[in-house]
Amino acid sequence: MYFGIIPLILFFIFLYSYLKDPRKIINGFLFNAFFCSFLLFCTIASLASENSVLKLIANIPLFSLFFIIPFGIVALMLGLFLNARILIKREGRRLANSLTLIVAIIILLFIVMPIISPSSLFSTIFQPLFGGISLIIFYFLIHLSNFLTAYFLYQFNKPKYNQDFIIVLGSGLINDQVPPLLASRIKKAIDFYHKQVAVTTPPTIIFSGGQGPDENLPEAEAMQKYAVEKGIPLEHTVQENRSVNTYQNMLFSKRVMDTLKPDGKYNSIFTTNNFHLFRAGLYARQAGLNSQGIGSKTAFYYWPNAMVREYVAIVVMGRKRHMKVVGTVLGISLFLSLFSLLFF
C-alpha cells in the first residue's frame, strides 16, 4: 500500500533531526507524527486484509481510544491527587509543591465540564469564543505531548567517554551544605569521571553555581569541596561561581571552557536531575554550547510535580510563539462573536 510510504518518510525525517540534535521539541512532534501515521497504516492494512486475526488486531487502537484512554485519564487524575498529598506531606505546603494538585483539579474540571455544558448557559453569539478556547486547549495538549515525547527520547542520549569537560549544574544550597538533590548531580558527574578515566584521559569537572542571597559561599565552592571529599583530584576541577540560573550555567561554563581551550576544539557534557535534563539541553543550545546531558535519578514522588514545573518553564521559554497562537485564535473568535452580534 502506498500509504505505508508516509510513516517511513516521517521516520527518516525524525531520525535525521534527532541524530543531528536531540535537544529539540520538534523531535517529539516528528516522532508522534510518525507513530500516529504508522498506527493508521497498520489499521488500514489490517482492515483491508482477509485475515480475521489482523482485523481483530486493527480494532485494538479503537478499543484503546474509546475505553482505555478515558479510564487512563481518571486514573491519572487520582494518581496526581495522591501524589500531591504525599509531596505536600513530605516537602511542606508551598505553591511549588502543589502543581500536581492544580493539574488534578484542572483534569477534574474537564471531566465535569461536558456534563455541566457551560456554553449552553450563554447566547449562541459566544459559541465562537468557546470554540476558540477549546482550540487553544487542544493546541497545548499537542504541545504537551510533543514535549513529553521529546523529553522521553532525550533520556536515551548516551555521551561517549571522550569528554574534556563535565559541567555540574547547581540547584541551591541548604545551610551552606550540598543537599541530596544537588549531591545526586555531583555523584553522576563523579561516576562518569571514573568510567572515562578507566578508558582514556580524565575530564575536567566544572562546578557551576553562584552565591544566593541566603548563602555564605558560592554554590560552586561547596560543590567542588563535596567532590574533592569524594576523591576527585582538585586539579581536575574548576569553579564557575557567577551564574544564577540554568542559562547562565551554560553560558558562563562555555566561557570557562573557551578560556581553557582557546581553539574551541573540546567535547563537553552536563549533569543535572533527569526531570531537568531536556530543558537544560535547550538552554545549552541557546548559549551556543554543543553539549548533551546525563541525568541523575529523582525520587519518584517528587518527579510528577517536577515535570509539571518543567513544562510550565518550557511554555515560558516559548512564550512569544504561544502568545501569537493564542492571540490569533482569540482574536478570530472575538471577531466571529462580534460579527454574529451585529449581523444575526
C-alpha atoms as a PDB file:
ATOM      1  CA  MET A   1       0.000   0.000   0.000  1.00  0.00           C
ATOM      2  CA  TYR A   2       1.329   3.430  -0.983  1.00  0.00           C
ATOM      3  CA  PHE A   3       0.165   4.899   2.346  1.00  0.00           C
ATOM      4  CA  GLY A   4       2.986   2.959   4.022  1.00  0.00           C
ATOM      5  CA  ILE A   5       5.489   5.361   2.454  1.00  0.00           C
ATOM      6  CA  ILE A   6       4.237   8.212   4.669  1.00  0.00           C
ATOM      7  CA  PRO A   7       5.271   6.734   8.067  1.00  0.00           C
ATOM      8  CA  LEU A   8       8.566   5.607   6.508  1.00  0.00           C
ATOM      9  CA  ILE A   9       9.354   9.136   5.307  1.00  0.00           C
ATOM     10  CA  LEU A  10       8.325  10.625   8.664  1.00  0.00           C
ATOM     11  CA  PHE A  11      10.549   8.138  10.492  1.00  0.00           C
ATOM     12  CA  PHE A  12      13.632   9.074   8.457  1.00  0.00           C
ATOM     13  CA  ILE A  13      12.911  12.784   8.918  1.00  0.00           C
ATOM     14  CA  PHE A  14      12.617  12.224  12.687  1.00  0.00           C
ATOM     15  CA  LEU A  15      15.796  10.129  12.764  1.00  0.00           C
ATOM     16  CA  TYR A  16      17.770  12.780  10.884  1.00  0.00           C
ATOM     17  CA  SER A  17      16.527  15.541  13.188  1.00  0.00           C
ATOM     18  CA  TYR A  18      17.175  13.537  16.373  1.00  0.00           C
ATOM     19  CA  LEU A  19      20.674  12.430  15.389  1.00  0.00           C
ATOM     20  CA  LYS A  20      21.542  15.975  14.354  1.00  0.00           C
ATOM     21  CA  ASP A  21      20.433  17.394  17.704  1.00  0.00           C
ATOM     22  CA  PRO A  22      18.239  15.562  20.266  1.00  0.00           C
ATOM     23  CA  ARG A  23      17.611  18.807  22.182  1.00  0.00           C
ATOM     24  CA  LYS A  24      14.587  19.930  20.128  1.00  0.00           C
ATOM     25  CA  ILE A  25      10.843  19.714  20.837  1.00  0.00           C
ATOM     26  CA  ILE A  26      10.287  19.274  17.094  1.00  0.00           C
ATOM     27  CA  ASN A  27      11.742  15.784  17.570  1.00  0.00           C
ATOM     28  CA  GLY A  28       8.743  14.946  19.737  1.00  0.00           C
ATOM     29  CA  PHE A  29       6.354  16.219  17.094  1.00  0.00           C
ATOM     30  CA  LEU A  30       8.085  14.272  14.319  1.00  0.00           C
ATOM     31  CA  PHE A  31       8.078  11.047  16.327  1.00  0.00           C
ATOM     32  CA  ASN A  32       4.407  11.473  17.266  1.00  0.00           C
ATOM     33  CA  ALA A  33       3.532  12.125  13.617  1.00  0.00           C
ATOM     34  CA  PHE A  34       5.432   9.000  12.573  1.00  0.00           C
ATOM     35  CA  PHE A  35       3.850   6.872  15.306  1.00  0.00           C
ATOM     36  CA  CYS A  36       0.284   8.010  14.561  1.00  0.00           C
ATOM     37  CA  SER A  37       0.720   7.518  10.801  1.00  0.00           C
ATOM     38  CA  PHE A  38       2.206   4.080  11.421  1.00  0.00           C
ATOM     39  CA  LEU A  39      -0.769   3.061  13.598  1.00  0.00           C
ATOM     40  CA  LEU A  40      -3.138   4.365  10.944  1.00  0.00           C
ATOM     41  CA  PHE A  41      -1.283   2.407   8.258  1.00  0.00           C
ATOM     42  CA  CYS A  42      -1.441  -0.789  10.349  1.00  0.00           C
ATOM     43  CA  THR A  43      -5.181  -0.278  10.901  1.00  0.00           C
ATOM     44  CA  ILE A  44      -5.902   0.321   7.206  1.00  0.00           C
ATOM     45  CA  ALA A  45      -3.745  -2.646   6.162  1.00  0.00           C
ATOM     46  CA  SER A  46      -5.398  -4.929   8.709  1.00  0.00           C
ATOM     47  CA  LEU A  47      -8.935  -3.943   7.719  1.00  0.00           C
ATOM     48  CA  ALA A  48      -8.087  -4.440   4.050  1.00  0.00           C
ATOM     49  CA  SER A  49      -6.769  -7.919   4.779  1.00  0.00           C
ATOM     50  CA  GLU A  50      -8.876 -11.067   4.580  1.00  0.00           C
ATOM     51  CA  ASN A  51      -7.237 -12.384   7.742  1.00  0.00           C
ATOM     52  CA  SER A  52      -9.681 -12.254  10.669  1.00  0.00           C
ATOM     53  CA  VAL A  53      -6.836 -12.129  13.221  1.00  0.00           C
ATOM     54  CA  LEU A  54      -5.409  -8.997  11.596  1.00  0.00           C
ATOM     55  CA  LYS A  55      -8.855  -7.406  11.565  1.00  0.00           C
ATOM     56  CA  LEU A  56      -9.155  -8.128  15.283  1.00  0.00           C
ATOM     57  CA  ILE A  57      -5.745  -6.510  15.888  1.00  0.00           C
ATOM     58  CA  ALA A  58      -6.899  -3.476  13.907  1.00  0.00           C
ATOM     59  CA  ASN A  59      -9.683  -2.905  16.431  1.00  0.00           C
ATOM     60  CA  ILE A  60      -7.243  -2.679  19.360  1.00  0.00           C
ATOM     61  CA  PRO A  61      -6.343   1.016  18.763  1.00  0.00           C
ATOM     62  CA  LEU A  62     -10.039   1.871  18.514  1.00  0.00           C
ATOM     63  CA  PHE A  63     -10.725  -0.042  21.728  1.00  0.00           C
ATOM     64  CA  SER A  64      -7.885   1.865  23.418  1.00  0.00           C
ATOM     65  CA  LEU A  65      -9.264   5.177  22.175  1.00  0.00           C
ATOM     66  CA  PHE A  66     -12.819   4.692  23.405  1.00  0.00           C
ATOM     67  CA  PHE A  67     -12.269   2.667  26.592  1.00  0.00           C
ATOM     68  CA  ILE A  68      -8.703   2.615  27.910  1.00  0.00           C
ATOM     69  CA  ILE A  69      -7.955   6.354  27.414  1.00  0.00           C
ATOM     70  CA  PRO A  70     -10.967   7.602  29.461  1.00  0.00           C
ATOM     71  CA  PHE A  71     -10.108   5.217  32.306  1.00  0.00           C
ATOM     72  CA  GLY A  72      -6.468   6.262  32.000  1.00  0.00           C
ATOM     73  CA  ILE A  73      -7.400   9.941  32.385  1.00  0.00           C
ATOM     74  CA  VAL A  74      -9.379   9.186  35.539  1.00  0.00           C
ATOM     75  CA  ALA A  75      -6.502   7.069  36.894  1.00  0.00           C
ATOM     76  CA  LEU A  76      -4.059   9.895  36.115  1.00  0.00           C
ATOM     77  CA  MET A  77      -6.244  12.389  37.980  1.00  0.00           C
ATOM     78  CA  LEU A  78      -6.474  10.145  41.059  1.00  0.00           C
ATOM     79  CA  GLY A  79      -2.729   9.482  40.918  1.00  0.00           C
ATOM     80  CA  LEU A  80      -1.992  13.209  40.809  1.00  0.00           C
ATOM     81  CA  PHE A  81      -4.241  13.849  43.804  1.00  0.00           C
ATOM     82  CA  LEU A  82      -2.408  11.101  45.720  1.00  0.00           C
ATOM     83  CA  ASN A  83       0.994  12.403  44.633  1.00  0.00           C
ATOM     84  CA  ALA A  84       0.080  15.944  45.736  1.00  0.00           C
ATOM     85  CA  ARG A  85      -0.904  14.626  49.168  1.00  0.00           C
ATOM     86  CA  ILE A  86       2.396  12.747  49.565  1.00  0.00           C
ATOM     87  CA  LEU A  87       4.521  15.630  48.274  1.00  0.00           C
ATOM     88  CA  ILE A  88       2.871  18.276  50.456  1.00  0.00           C
ATOM     89  CA  LYS A  89       3.192  15.995  53.473  1.00  0.00           C
ATOM     90  CA  ARG A  90       6.927  15.427  52.869  1.00  0.00           C
ATOM     91  CA  GLU A  91       8.009  18.769  51.408  1.00  0.00           C
ATOM     92  CA  GLY A  92       5.576  21.232  53.016  1.00  0.00           C
ATOM     93  CA  ARG A  93       2.620  23.387  51.924  1.00  0.00           C
ATOM     94  CA  ARG A  94       4.030  25.614  49.198  1.00  0.00           C
ATOM     95  CA  LEU A  95       2.759  26.617  45.784  1.00  0.00           C
ATOM     96  CA  ALA A  96       5.755  24.908  44.158  1.00  0.00           C
ATOM     97  CA  ASN A  97       4.691  21.640  45.809  1.00  0.00           C
ATOM     98  CA  SER A  98       1.041  21.988  44.760  1.00  0.00           C
ATOM     99  CA  LEU A  99       1.430  21.802  40.981  1.00  0.00           C
ATOM    100  CA  THR A 100       0.198  18.208  40.701  1.00  0.00           C
ATOM    101  CA  LEU A 101      -2.804  19.173  42.847  1.00  0.00           C
ATOM    102  CA  ILE A 102      -3.602  22.047  40.473  1.00  0.00           C
ATOM    103  CA  VAL A 103      -3.289  19.784  37.416  1.00  0.00           C
ATOM    104  CA  ALA A 104      -5.542  17.157  39.060  1.00  0.00           C
ATOM    105  CA  ILE A 105      -8.197  19.823  39.716  1.00  0.00           C
ATOM    106  CA  ILE A 106      -7.962  21.009  36.089  1.00  0.00           C
ATOM    107  CA  ILE A 107      -8.452  17.437  34.834  1.00  0.00           C
ATOM    108  CA  LEU A 108     -11.448  17.067  37.153  1.00  0.00           C
ATOM    109  CA  LEU A 109     -12.952  20.259  35.715  1.00  0.00           C
ATOM    110  CA  PHE A 110     -12.509  18.942  32.181  1.00  0.00           C
ATOM    111  CA  ILE A 111     -14.293  15.742  33.151  1.00  0.00           C
ATOM    112  CA  VAL A 112     -17.170  17.676  34.713  1.00  0.00           C
ATOM    113  CA  MET A 113     -17.441  20.405  32.037  1.00  0.00           C
ATOM    114  CA  PRO A 114     -19.160  18.266  29.353  1.00  0.00           C
ATOM    115  CA  ILE A 115     -21.784  17.297  31.928  1.00  0.00           C
ATOM    116  CA  ILE A 116     -22.426  20.893  33.003  1.00  0.00           C
ATOM    117  CA  SER A 117     -22.011  22.255  29.442  1.00  0.00           C
ATOM    118  CA  PRO A 118     -21.328  25.889  30.463  1.00  0.00           C
ATOM    119  CA  SER A 119     -21.559  27.085  26.842  1.00  0.00           C
ATOM    120  CA  SER A 120     -25.276  26.227  26.856  1.00  0.00           C
ATOM    121  CA  LEU A 121     -25.814  28.842  29.581  1.00  0.00           C
ATOM    122  CA  PHE A 122     -24.742  31.639  27.212  1.00  0.00           C
ATOM    123  CA  SER A 123     -26.119  33.014  23.968  1.00  0.00           C
ATOM    124  CA  THR A 124     -25.085  31.342  20.719  1.00  0.00           C
ATOM    125  CA  ILE A 125     -23.234  34.550  19.950  1.00  0.00           C
ATOM    126  CA  PHE A 126     -20.476  33.355  22.299  1.00  0.00           C
ATOM    127  CA  GLN A 127     -20.140  29.929  20.666  1.00  0.00           C
ATOM    128  CA  PRO A 128     -17.126  31.020  18.522  1.00  0.00           C
ATOM    129  CA  LEU A 129     -15.395  32.156  21.713  1.00  0.00           C
ATOM    130  CA  PHE A 130     -15.931  28.774  23.397  1.00  0.00           C
ATOM    131  CA  GLY A 131     -14.745  27.117  20.197  1.00  0.00           C
ATOM    132  CA  GLY A 132     -11.586  29.236  20.267  1.00  0.00           C
ATOM    133  CA  ILE A 133     -10.888  28.305  23.897  1.00  0.00           C
ATOM    134  CA  SER A 134     -11.317  24.621  23.005  1.00  0.00           C
ATOM    135  CA  LEU A 135      -8.880  25.059  20.118  1.00  0.00           C
ATOM    136  CA  ILE A 136      -6.303  26.675  22.433  1.00  0.00           C
ATOM    137  CA  ILE A 137      -6.652  23.800  24.885  1.00  0.00           C
ATOM    138  CA  PHE A 138      -6.143  21.319  22.042  1.00  0.00           C
ATOM    139  CA  TYR A 139      -3.050  23.263  20.895  1.00  0.00           C
ATOM    140  CA  PHE A 140      -1.436  22.996  24.332  1.00  0.00           C
ATOM    141  CA  LEU A 141      -2.348  19.300  24.618  1.00  0.00           C
ATOM    142  CA  ILE A 142      -0.490  18.682  21.341  1.00  0.00           C
ATOM    143  CA  HIS A 143       2.431  20.787  22.588  1.00  0.00           C
ATOM    144  CA  LEU A 144       2.484  18.867  25.877  1.00  0.00           C
ATOM    145  CA  SER A 145       2.536  15.515  24.081  1.00  0.00           C
ATOM    146  CA  ASN A 146       5.414  16.738  21.887  1.00  0.00           C
ATOM    147  CA  PHE A 147       7.344  17.880  24.958  1.00  0.00           C
ATOM    148  CA  LEU A 148       6.834  14.587  26.828  1.00  0.00           C
ATOM    149  CA  THR A 149       7.904  12.572  23.794  1.00  0.00           C
ATOM    150  CA  ALA A 150      10.992  14.740  23.192  1.00  0.00           C
ATOM    151  CA  TYR A 151      11.843  14.502  26.910  1.00  0.00           C
ATOM    152  CA  PHE A 152      11.488  10.708  26.863  1.00  0.00           C
ATOM    153  CA  LEU A 153      13.627  10.339  23.734  1.00  0.00           C
ATOM    154  CA  TYR A 154      16.348  12.561  25.189  1.00  0.00           C
ATOM    155  CA  GLN A 155      16.821  10.106  28.059  1.00  0.00           C
ATOM    156  CA  PHE A 156      18.359   7.675  25.544  1.00  0.00           C
ATOM    157  CA  ASN A 157      21.218  10.058  24.835  1.00  0.00           C
ATOM    158  CA  LYS A 158      24.476   8.345  25.880  1.00  0.00           C
ATOM    159  CA  PRO A 159      27.602  10.547  25.599  1.00  0.00           C
ATOM    160  CA  LYS A 160      30.901   8.901  24.702  1.00  0.00           C
ATOM    161  CA  TYR A 161      33.785   8.647  27.133  1.00  0.00           C
ATOM    162  CA  ASN A 162      35.838  11.250  25.272  1.00  0.00           C
ATOM    163  CA  GLN A 163      34.785  14.375  27.137  1.00  0.00           C
ATOM    164  CA  ASP A 164      37.112  17.225  28.001  1.00  0.00           C
ATOM    165  CA  PHE A 165      34.663  18.805  30.452  1.00  0.00           C
ATOM    166  CA  ILE A 166      31.742  17.808  32.657  1.00  0.00           C
ATOM    167  CA  ILE A 167      29.508  20.693  33.761  1.00  0.00           C
ATOM    168  CA  VAL A 168      27.601  20.128  37.002  1.00  0.00           C
ATOM    169  CA  LEU A 169      24.583  22.421  37.205  1.00  0.00           C
ATOM    170  CA  GLY A 170      23.815  23.944  40.595  1.00  0.00           C
ATOM    171  CA  SER A 171      20.437  23.809  42.299  1.00  0.00           C
ATOM    172  CA  GLY A 172      20.931  25.687  45.572  1.00  0.00           C
ATOM    173  CA  LEU A 173      22.498  25.017  48.969  1.00  0.00           C
ATOM    174  CA  ILE A 174      20.771  24.310  52.276  1.00  0.00           C
ATOM    175  CA  ASN A 175      22.583  25.771  55.308  1.00  0.00           C
ATOM    176  CA  ASP A 176      25.624  26.210  53.047  1.00  0.00           C
ATOM    177  CA  GLN A 177      25.744  22.433  52.522  1.00  0.00           C
ATOM    178  CA  VAL A 178      25.133  20.343  49.404  1.00  0.00           C
ATOM    179  CA  PRO A 179      21.576  18.934  49.672  1.00  0.00           C
ATOM    180  CA  PRO A 180      20.615  15.457  48.348  1.00  0.00           C
ATOM    181  CA  LEU A 181      19.187  16.809  45.060  1.00  0.00           C
ATOM    182  CA  LEU A 182      22.430  18.598  44.208  1.00  0.00           C
ATOM    183  CA  ALA A 183      24.539  15.726  45.553  1.00  0.00           C
ATOM    184  CA  SER A 184      22.918  13.376  43.036  1.00  0.00           C
ATOM    185  CA  ARG A 185      24.106  15.640  40.196  1.00  0.00           C
ATOM    186  CA  ILE A 186      27.659  15.683  41.537  1.00  0.00           C
ATOM    187  CA  LYS A 187      27.660  11.899  42.027  1.00  0.00           C
ATOM    188  CA  LYS A 188      26.513  11.454  38.425  1.00  0.00           C
ATOM    189  CA  ALA A 189      29.489  13.526  37.265  1.00  0.00           C
ATOM    190  CA  ILE A 190      31.865  11.589  39.543  1.00  0.00           C
ATOM    191  CA  ASP A 191      30.542   8.292  38.203  1.00  0.00           C
ATOM    192  CA  PHE A 192      31.090   9.422  34.590  1.00  0.00           C
ATOM    193  CA  TYR A 193      34.541  10.768  35.532  1.00  0.00           C
ATOM    194  CA  HIS A 194      35.689   7.392  36.883  1.00  0.00           C
ATOM    195  CA  LYS A 195      34.273   5.493  33.889  1.00  0.00           C
ATOM    196  CA  GLN A 196      36.134   7.769  31.489  1.00  0.00           C
ATOM    197  CA  VAL A 197      39.367   7.601  33.482  1.00  0.00           C
ATOM    198  CA  ALA A 198      39.230   3.809  33.118  1.00  0.00           C
ATOM    199  CA  VAL A 199      39.431   4.072  29.324  1.00  0.00           C
ATOM    200  CA  THR A 200      41.099   7.401  28.495  1.00  0.00           C
ATOM    201  CA  THR A 201      42.220  10.762  29.919  1.00  0.00           C
ATOM    202  CA  PRO A 202      40.315  12.336  32.849  1.00  0.00           C
ATOM    203  CA  PRO A 203      37.886  15.201  32.119  1.00  0.00           C
ATOM    204  CA  THR A 204      37.793  18.495  33.992  1.00  0.00           C
ATOM    205  CA  ILE A 205      34.674  18.933  36.133  1.00  0.00           C
ATOM    206  CA  ILE A 206      33.210  22.440  36.096  1.00  0.00           C
ATOM    207  CA  PHE A 207      31.011  23.200  39.093  1.00  0.00           C
ATOM    208  CA  SER A 208      28.562  25.888  38.036  1.00  0.00           C
ATOM    209  CA  GLY A 209      26.621  27.970  40.539  1.00  0.00           C
ATOM    210  CA  GLY A 210      26.812  31.429  42.072  1.00  0.00           C
ATOM    211  CA  GLN A 211      26.122  32.679  45.574  1.00  0.00           C
ATOM    212  CA  GLY A 212      22.497  33.132  46.553  1.00  0.00           C
ATOM    213  CA  PRO A 213      21.239  35.913  48.857  1.00  0.00           C
ATOM    214  CA  ASP A 214      20.808  33.436  51.730  1.00  0.00           C
ATOM    215  CA  GLU A 215      24.161  31.670  51.188  1.00  0.00           C
ATOM    216  CA  ASN A 216      27.533  32.451  52.760  1.00  0.00           C
ATOM    217  CA  LEU A 217      29.599  30.975  49.929  1.00  0.00           C
ATOM    218  CA  PRO A 218      29.216  30.351  46.203  1.00  0.00           C
ATOM    219  CA  GLU A 219      27.433  27.160  45.302  1.00  0.00           C
ATOM    220  CA  ALA A 220      30.325  26.135  43.053  1.00  0.00           C
ATOM    221  CA  GLU A 221      32.712  26.228  46.019  1.00  0.00           C
ATOM    222  CA  ALA A 222      30.532  23.929  48.115  1.00  0.00           C
ATOM    223  CA  MET A 223      30.084  21.569  45.145  1.00  0.00           C
ATOM    224  CA  GLN A 224      33.811  21.447  44.472  1.00  0.00           C
ATOM    225  CA  LYS A 225      34.562  20.710  48.128  1.00  0.00           C
ATOM    226  CA  TYR A 226      31.988  17.893  48.114  1.00  0.00           C
ATOM    227  CA  ALA A 227      33.561  16.301  45.016  1.00  0.00           C
ATOM    228  CA  VAL A 228      37.110  16.575  46.337  1.00  0.00           C
ATOM    229  CA  GLU A 229      35.996  14.864  49.555  1.00  0.00           C
ATOM    230  CA  LYS A 230      34.631  12.062  47.349  1.00  0.00           C
ATOM    231  CA  GLY A 231      38.071  11.525  45.814  1.00  0.00           C
ATOM    232  CA  ILE A 232      38.148  13.788  42.750  1.00  0.00           C
ATOM    233  CA  PRO A 233      41.599  15.457  42.384  1.00  0.00           C
ATOM    234  CA  LEU A 234      41.397  19.211  42.971  1.00  0.00           C
ATOM    235  CA  GLU A 235      43.410  19.876  39.802  1.00  0.00           C
ATOM    236  CA  HIS A 236      40.658  18.203  37.776  1.00  0.00           C
ATOM    237  CA  THR A 237      38.025  20.654  38.989  1.00  0.00           C
ATOM    238  CA  VAL A 238      37.112  24.256  38.129  1.00  0.00           C
ATOM    239  CA  GLN A 239      34.620  26.684  39.690  1.00  0.00           C
ATOM    240  CA  GLU A 240      32.155  28.793  37.725  1.00  0.00           C
ATOM    241  CA  ASN A 241      30.730  30.886  40.568  1.00  0.00           C
ATOM    242  CA  ARG A 242      28.760  33.710  38.895  1.00  0.00           C
ATOM    243  CA  SER A 243      25.668  32.041  37.385  1.00  0.00           C
ATOM    244  CA  VAL A 244      22.240  32.375  38.980  1.00  0.00           C
ATOM    245  CA  ASN A 245      20.122  30.326  36.535  1.00  0.00           C
ATOM    246  CA  THR A 246      20.469  27.437  34.081  1.00  0.00           C
ATOM    247  CA  TYR A 247      21.066  29.642  31.048  1.00  0.00           C
ATOM    248  CA  GLN A 248      23.945  31.394  32.827  1.00  0.00           C
ATOM    249  CA  ASN A 249      25.248  27.989  33.965  1.00  0.00           C
ATOM    250  CA  MET A 250      25.676  27.089  30.314  1.00  0.00           C
ATOM    251  CA  LEU A 251      26.853  30.490  29.078  1.00  0.00           C
ATOM    252  CA  PHE A 252      29.464  31.111  31.781  1.00  0.00           C
ATOM    253  CA  SER A 253      30.678  27.493  31.715  1.00  0.00           C
ATOM    254  CA  LYS A 254      31.203  27.851  27.955  1.00  0.00           C
ATOM    255  CA  ARG A 255      33.352  30.910  28.609  1.00  0.00           C
ATOM    256  CA  VAL A 256      35.433  28.898  31.101  1.00  0.00           C
ATOM    257  CA  MET A 257      35.925  26.112  28.544  1.00  0.00           C
ATOM    258  CA  ASP A 258      36.743  28.611  25.782  1.00  0.00           C
ATOM    259  CA  THR A 259      39.415  30.089  28.054  1.00  0.00           C
ATOM    260  CA  LEU A 260      40.930  26.700  28.881  1.00  0.00           C
ATOM    261  CA  LYS A 261      40.643  25.512  25.263  1.00  0.00           C
ATOM    262  CA  PRO A 262      41.008  28.656  23.109  1.00  0.00           C
ATOM    263  CA  ASP A 263      40.855  26.669  19.872  1.00  0.00           C
ATOM    264  CA  GLY A 264      37.271  25.670  20.730  1.00  0.00           C
ATOM    265  CA  LYS A 265      38.012  22.010  19.990  1.00  0.00           C
ATOM    266  CA  TYR A 266      36.587  20.254  23.009  1.00  0.00           C
ATOM    267  CA  ASN A 267      33.815  17.870  23.991  1.00  0.00           C
ATOM    268  CA  SER A 268      31.578  18.515  26.971  1.00  0.00           C
ATOM    269  CA  ILE A 269      28.544  17.151  28.770  1.00  0.00           C
ATOM    270  CA  PHE A 270      26.462  18.424  31.673  1.00  0.00           C
ATOM    271  CA  THR A 271      24.843  16.657  34.595  1.00  0.00           C
ATOM    272  CA  THR A 272      21.550  17.532  36.240  1.00  0.00           C
ATOM    273  CA  ASN A 273      18.495  15.687  37.528  1.00  0.00           C
ATOM    274  CA  ASN A 274      16.634  13.636  34.920  1.00  0.00           C
ATOM    275  CA  PHE A 275      13.482  15.784  35.099  1.00  0.00           C
ATOM    276  CA  HIS A 276      15.565  18.900  34.303  1.00  0.00           C
ATOM    277  CA  LEU A 277      17.646  17.267  31.576  1.00  0.00           C
ATOM    278  CA  PHE A 278      15.747  18.291  28.446  1.00  0.00           C
ATOM    279  CA  ARG A 279      15.182  21.935  29.412  1.00  0.00           C
ATOM    280  CA  ALA A 280      18.845  22.246  30.378  1.00  0.00           C
ATOM    281  CA  GLY A 281      19.696  20.979  26.894  1.00  0.00           C
ATOM    282  CA  LEU A 282      17.552  23.740  25.380  1.00  0.00           C
ATOM    283  CA  TYR A 283      19.430  26.332  27.414  1.00  0.00           C
ATOM    284  CA  ALA A 284      22.736  24.819  26.253  1.00  0.00           C
ATOM    285  CA  ARG A 285      21.605  25.350  22.644  1.00  0.00           C
ATOM    286  CA  GLN A 286      20.651  28.953  23.407  1.00  0.00           C
ATOM    287  CA  ALA A 287      24.092  29.552  24.920  1.00  0.00           C
ATOM    288  CA  GLY A 288      25.771  28.171  21.784  1.00  0.00           C
ATOM    289  CA  LEU A 289      27.101  25.174  23.680  1.00  0.00           C
ATOM    290  CA  ASN A 290      27.266  21.877  21.804  1.00  0.00           C
ATOM    291  CA  SER A 291      26.819  19.822  24.951  1.00  0.00           C
ATOM    292  CA  GLN A 292      24.500  16.927  25.772  1.00  0.00           C
ATOM    293  CA  GLY A 293      23.370  15.922  29.251  1.00  0.00           C
ATOM    294  CA  ILE A 294      23.148  12.930  31.542  1.00  0.00           C
ATOM    295  CA  GLY A 295      20.567  12.846  34.318  1.00  0.00           C
ATOM    296  CA  SER A 296      20.657  11.634  37.886  1.00  0.00           C
ATOM    297  CA  LYS A 297      17.654   9.842  39.330  1.00  0.00           C
ATOM    298  CA  THR A 298      14.964  11.692  41.248  1.00  0.00           C
ATOM    299  CA  ALA A 299      12.701  10.350  43.998  1.00  0.00           C
ATOM    300  CA  PHE A 300       9.554   9.047  42.296  1.00  0.00           C
ATOM    301  CA  TYR A 301       7.163  11.033  44.499  1.00  0.00           C
ATOM    302  CA  TYR A 302       8.961  14.249  43.507  1.00  0.00           C
ATOM    303  CA  TRP A 303       9.099  13.539  39.750  1.00  0.00           C
ATOM    304  CA  PRO A 304       5.461  14.325  38.678  1.00  0.00           C
ATOM    305  CA  ASN A 305       5.476  17.739  40.354  1.00  0.00           C
ATOM    306  CA  ALA A 306       8.896  18.493  38.893  1.00  0.00           C
ATOM    307  CA  MET A 307       7.714  17.548  35.393  1.00  0.00           C
ATOM    308  CA  VAL A 308       4.749  19.925  35.668  1.00  0.00           C
ATOM    309  CA  ARG A 309       7.150  22.694  36.663  1.00  0.00           C
ATOM    310  CA  GLU A 310       9.429  21.804  33.750  1.00  0.00           C
ATOM    311  CA  TYR A 311       6.578  22.018  31.264  1.00  0.00           C
ATOM    312  CA  VAL A 312       5.484  25.409  32.600  1.00  0.00           C
ATOM    313  CA  ALA A 313       9.078  26.589  32.205  1.00  0.00           C
ATOM    314  CA  ILE A 314       9.175  25.217  28.632  1.00  0.00           C
ATOM    315  CA  VAL A 315       5.989  27.155  27.805  1.00  0.00           C
ATOM    316  CA  VAL A 316       7.516  30.319  29.277  1.00  0.00           C
ATOM    317  CA  MET A 317      10.648  29.792  27.143  1.00  0.00           C
ATOM    318  CA  GLY A 318       8.477  29.812  24.016  1.00  0.00           C
ATOM    319  CA  ARG A 319       6.018  32.411  25.298  1.00  0.00           C
ATOM    320  CA  LYS A 320       6.314  34.694  22.236  1.00  0.00           C
ATOM    321  CA  ARG A 321       5.263  31.923  19.873  1.00  0.00           C
ATOM    322  CA  HIS A 322       2.470  30.738  22.175  1.00  0.00           C
ATOM    323  CA  MET A 323       1.179  34.283  22.639  1.00  0.00           C
ATOM    324  CA  LYS A 324       0.964  34.678  18.855  1.00  0.00           C
ATOM    325  CA  VAL A 325      -1.039  31.456  18.524  1.00  0.00           C
ATOM    326  CA  VAL A 326      -3.341  32.216  21.464  1.00  0.00           C
ATOM    327  CA  GLY A 327      -3.777  35.847  20.412  1.00  0.00           C
ATOM    328  CA  THR A 328      -4.627  34.872  16.834  1.00  0.00           C
ATOM    329  CA  VAL A 329      -7.189  32.257  17.881  1.00  0.00           C
ATOM    330  CA  LEU A 330      -8.823  34.548  20.455  1.00  0.00           C
ATOM    331  CA  GLY A 331      -8.814  37.443  18.008  1.00  0.00           C
ATOM    332  CA  ILE A 332     -10.614  35.420  15.326  1.00  0.00           C
ATOM    333  CA  SER A 333     -13.051  34.037  17.913  1.00  0.00           C
ATOM    334  CA  LEU A 334     -13.897  37.508  19.221  1.00  0.00           C
ATOM    335  CA  PHE A 335     -14.309  38.801  15.671  1.00  0.00           C
ATOM    336  CA  LEU A 336     -16.739  35.990  14.823  1.00  0.00           C
ATOM    337  CA  SER A 337     -18.704  36.611  18.044  1.00  0.00           C
ATOM    338  CA  LEU A 338     -18.895  40.332  17.283  1.00  0.00           C
ATOM    339  CA  PHE A 339     -19.892  39.575  13.675  1.00  0.00           C
ATOM    340  CA  SER A 340     -22.727  37.336  14.941  1.00  0.00           C
ATOM    341  CA  LEU A 341     -23.857  40.042  17.355  1.00  0.00           C
ATOM    342  CA  LEU A 342     -24.031  42.734  14.668  1.00  0.00           C
ATOM    343  CA  PHE A 343     -25.493  40.813  11.726  1.00  0.00           C
ATOM    344  CA  PHE A 344     -27.549  37.961  13.174  1.00  0.00           C
END
